[in-house]
Protein backbone atom coordinates (compact mmCIF):
# COMPACT_ATOMS: atom_id res chain seq x y z
CA MET A 1 1.79 20.64 -17.54
CA ASN A 2 0.92 22.16 -14.27
CA ASP A 3 3.57 21.68 -11.74
CA ASP A 4 0.94 22.50 -8.90
CA ALA A 5 -1.51 19.68 -9.92
CA PRO A 6 -1.67 16.52 -7.58
CA GLU A 7 0.41 13.70 -8.59
CA ALA A 8 -2.24 10.81 -9.52
CA ALA A 9 -2.06 7.77 -7.18
CA THR A 10 -0.40 4.61 -8.23
CA ILE A 11 -0.73 1.02 -6.81
CA THR A 12 1.92 -1.31 -7.65
CA PRO A 13 1.49 -5.01 -6.60
CA TYR A 14 5.15 -6.38 -5.51
CA GLU A 15 5.35 -10.16 -6.02
CA ASP A 16 5.20 -12.04 -3.00
CA GLY A 17 4.63 -8.95 -1.08
CA PRO A 18 2.44 -5.62 -0.33
CA LEU A 19 0.80 -2.81 -2.44
CA LEU A 20 3.10 0.16 -2.74
CA VAL A 21 0.82 3.11 -2.88
CA ARG A 22 2.46 6.43 -4.33
CA GLY A 23 1.25 10.03 -5.13
CA ASP A 24 -1.59 11.86 -3.66
CA PHE A 25 -4.22 9.61 -1.85
CA VAL A 26 -6.70 9.40 1.00
CA LEU A 27 -6.52 6.37 3.12
CA ARG A 28 -9.69 5.39 5.04
CA SER A 29 -11.02 2.68 7.67
CA PRO A 30 -13.95 0.80 7.00
CA ASP A 31 -16.08 3.39 8.84
CA GLY A 32 -14.66 5.95 6.70
CA GLU A 33 -12.24 7.72 9.19
CA VAL A 34 -9.21 8.92 7.69
CA ILE A 35 -6.02 6.84 8.52
CA ASP A 36 -2.90 9.08 8.38
CA PRO A 37 -0.19 7.12 6.58
CA GLY A 38 2.69 9.55 7.79
CA ARG A 39 4.26 9.64 4.23
CA SER A 40 3.45 9.75 0.66
CA THR A 41 4.43 6.29 -0.13
CA VAL A 42 3.14 3.49 1.68
CA ALA A 43 3.07 -0.30 1.64
CA LEU A 44 -0.08 -1.98 2.30
CA CYS A 45 -0.50 -5.47 3.78
CA ARG A 46 -2.24 -7.96 1.09
CA CYS A 47 -1.28 -11.20 2.99
CA GLY A 48 -3.59 -10.37 5.92
CA LEU A 49 -1.11 -11.38 8.49
CA SER A 50 0.41 -7.75 9.31
CA ALA A 51 0.47 -6.75 12.96
CA VAL A 52 0.00 -3.04 11.73
CA LYS A 53 -2.62 -3.42 9.21
CA PRO A 54 -3.36 -1.82 6.94
CA PHE A 55 0.23 -1.39 6.45
CA CYS A 56 2.95 -3.96 5.61
CA ASP A 57 5.21 -4.92 8.41
CA GLY A 58 7.09 -7.73 6.32
CA THR A 59 5.26 -10.69 7.91
CA HIS A 60 4.52 -11.75 4.45
CA LYS A 61 8.37 -12.92 3.98
CA VAL A 62 8.33 -15.00 7.38
CA ARG A 63 4.97 -16.84 6.49
CA GLY A 64 5.77 -17.40 2.75
CA PHE A 65 3.03 -15.32 1.48
CA ARG A 66 2.77 -15.99 -2.53
CA ALA A 67 0.97 -13.58 -5.21
CA PRO A 68 1.87 -12.31 -8.48
CA GLY A 69 3.42 -8.92 -8.77
CA GLY A 70 2.43 -6.18 -11.30
CA GLY A 71 4.28 -7.45 -14.35
CA ARG A 72 2.77 -8.62 -17.40
């Protein structure tokens, strides 16, 4: 295994919460502009209520958002 190879991105949906993205990824706006995530792991909003979209700000907890997690 090559230690210099980029780590493949993984996306994990958390039950009643955000999508956690880890690894090498590029985040873009609908116009194609690159969004600097500021870190290598980010939580993306999937409830649509975050004030800092596309990132999660925890609003899903207050508003009672429900969605399945990544488990089988």
